[in-house]
Amino acid sequence: MTAEQFRQLALNLDGATESSHQGHPDFRAHGKIFATLQYPDDSWGMVKLSPPDQARLVEMQPAVFLPVKGAWGRQGCTSVRLAAAKSDVLKYALDLAWQKSAGHSKKTKRVVSK
């Protein structure tokens, strides 16, 4: 996964726009940031998940997902190791983050394989 592929997946979500936050690209929907790129460096992205979604993805894909350190991580902010991410898994995580930004978390039947 490249940063450009992450960007395209994020922008393909309904109403998503790209902006900037603290010097790195962010992706917003429903007036809220749901994902970012390039933090702490160009090899990472971040998705804002619910804590239960974060725990599930970290458990299933530990080479890809890692909770952000500190309070942000405890609230569901999840680092994405771009080089290890596969398109279908990242698309799923971005969709969950987009749903969270909308204030709902519809239950999906998609399964992320290990």
Protein backbone atom coordinates (compact mmCIF):
# COMPACT_ATOMS: atom_id res chain seq x y z
CA MET A 1 0.00 0.00 0.00
CA THR A 2 1.29 3.44 -0.89
CA ALA A 3 0.27 6.79 0.53
CA GLU A 4 -1.40 7.59 -2.78
CA GLN A 5 -3.44 4.38 -2.64
CA PHE A 6 -4.47 5.20 0.95
CA ARG A 7 -5.48 8.69 -0.24
CA GLN A 8 -7.60 7.31 -3.08
CA LEU A 9 -9.36 4.78 -0.84
CA ALA A 10 -10.16 7.52 1.69
CA LEU A 11 -11.40 9.95 -0.95
CA ASN A 12 -13.63 7.29 -2.52
CA LEU A 13 -15.82 7.33 0.59
CA ASP A 14 -19.03 9.35 0.31
CA GLY A 15 -18.46 13.04 1.02
CA ALA A 16 -14.78 12.60 1.96
CA THR A 17 -12.46 15.54 1.42
CA GLU A 18 -8.75 16.07 1.92
CA SER A 19 -7.40 18.86 4.08
CA SER A 20 -4.37 19.37 6.30
CA HIS A 21 -3.87 19.09 10.05
CA GLN A 22 -0.63 19.82 11.88
CA GLY A 23 1.38 19.65 8.66
CA HIS A 24 0.10 16.36 7.29
CA PRO A 25 -2.84 15.35 5.07
CA ASP A 26 -6.12 14.46 6.71
CA PHE A 27 -9.39 13.11 5.40
CA ARG A 28 -12.71 14.39 6.66
CA ALA A 29 -16.35 13.50 6.38
CA HIS A 30 -19.34 14.78 8.33
CA GLY A 31 -17.14 17.65 9.56
CA LYS A 32 -14.72 15.29 11.33
CA ILE A 33 -11.29 13.83 10.63
CA PHE A 34 -11.54 10.08 10.07
CA ALA A 35 -8.01 9.38 8.75
CA THR A 36 -4.60 10.98 8.26
CA LEU A 37 -1.36 10.30 6.41
CA GLN A 38 2.33 10.85 7.14
CA TYR A 39 2.38 10.71 10.92
CA PRO A 40 4.85 10.12 12.40
CA ASP A 41 6.45 9.78 8.94
CA ASP A 42 5.63 8.95 5.33
CA SER A 43 5.39 5.21 5.98
CA TRP A 44 2.29 5.53 8.20
CA GLY A 45 -1.38 6.41 8.04
CA MET A 46 -3.97 6.61 10.80
CA VAL A 47 -7.65 5.71 11.07
CA LYS A 48 -10.00 6.80 13.87
CA LEU A 49 -11.84 3.68 14.96
CA SER A 50 -14.03 2.80 17.89
CA PRO A 51 -11.99 1.07 20.62
CA PRO A 52 -13.70 -2.31 19.93
CA ASP A 53 -13.00 -2.04 16.18
CA GLN A 54 -9.41 -1.05 16.95
CA ALA A 55 -8.92 -4.04 19.26
CA ARG A 56 -10.32 -6.43 16.66
CA LEU A 57 -8.15 -5.12 13.81
CA VAL A 58 -4.98 -4.98 15.93
CA GLU A 59 -5.59 -8.57 16.99
CA MET A 60 -6.32 -9.79 13.47
CA GLN A 61 -3.68 -7.75 11.64
CA PRO A 62 -0.87 -6.86 14.12
CA ALA A 63 1.63 -6.28 11.31
CA VAL A 64 -0.66 -3.57 9.90
CA PHE A 65 -2.48 -1.90 12.81
CA LEU A 66 -1.08 -0.45 16.03
CA PRO A 67 -2.85 1.77 18.58
CA VAL A 68 -1.49 5.31 18.63
CA LYS A 69 0.36 5.96 21.90
CA GLY A 70 -1.40 7.64 24.79
CA ALA A 71 -4.95 8.95 25.15
CA TRP A 72 -5.59 9.20 21.41
CA GLY A 73 -4.86 5.50 21.03
CA ARG A 74 -7.13 4.60 23.94
CA GLN A 75 -9.89 6.50 22.11
CA GLY A 76 -9.41 4.39 18.96
CA CYS A 77 -6.81 6.27 16.90
CA THR A 78 -4.97 3.50 15.11
CA SER A 79 -1.70 3.70 13.17
CA VAL A 80 -1.55 1.88 9.83
CA ARG A 81 1.79 0.52 8.59
CA LEU A 82 1.31 1.27 4.89
CA ALA A 83 3.87 -1.22 3.54
CA ALA A 84 2.09 -4.09 5.31
CA ALA A 85 -1.50 -3.07 4.48
CA LYS A 86 -3.53 -4.78 1.79
CA SER A 87 -6.14 -2.81 -0.11
CA ASP A 88 -9.19 -4.77 1.09
CA VAL A 89 -8.16 -4.57 4.74
CA LEU A 90 -7.42 -0.85 4.59
CA LYS A 91 -10.66 -0.18 2.73
CA TYR A 92 -12.52 -1.96 5.53
CA ALA A 93 -10.72 0.06 8.23
CA LEU A 94 -11.33 3.35 6.40
CA ASP A 95 -15.01 2.46 6.05
CA LEU A 96 -15.25 1.82 9.79
CA ALA A 97 -13.55 5.16 10.49
CA TRP A 98 -15.88 6.93 8.03
CA GLN A 99 -18.91 5.36 9.76
CA LYS A 100 -17.61 6.54 13.14
CA SER A 101 -17.27 10.09 11.78
CA ALA A 102 -20.92 9.90 10.75
CA GLY A 103 -21.89 9.14 14.33
CA HIS A 104 -23.00 5.61 13.67
CA SER A 105 -21.40 2.24 13.31
CA LYS A 106 -23.55 0.05 11.14
CA LYS A 107 -22.71 -3.55 11.61
CA THR A 108 -21.09 -5.04 8.54
CA LYS A 109 -20.66 -8.69 7.75
CA ARG A 110 -17.29 -8.23 6.13
CA VAL A 111 -14.55 -10.39 7.53
CA VAL A 112 -10.89 -9.41 7.62
CA SER A 113 -8.67 -12.43 7.22
CA LYS A 114 -5.42 -12.92 9.09
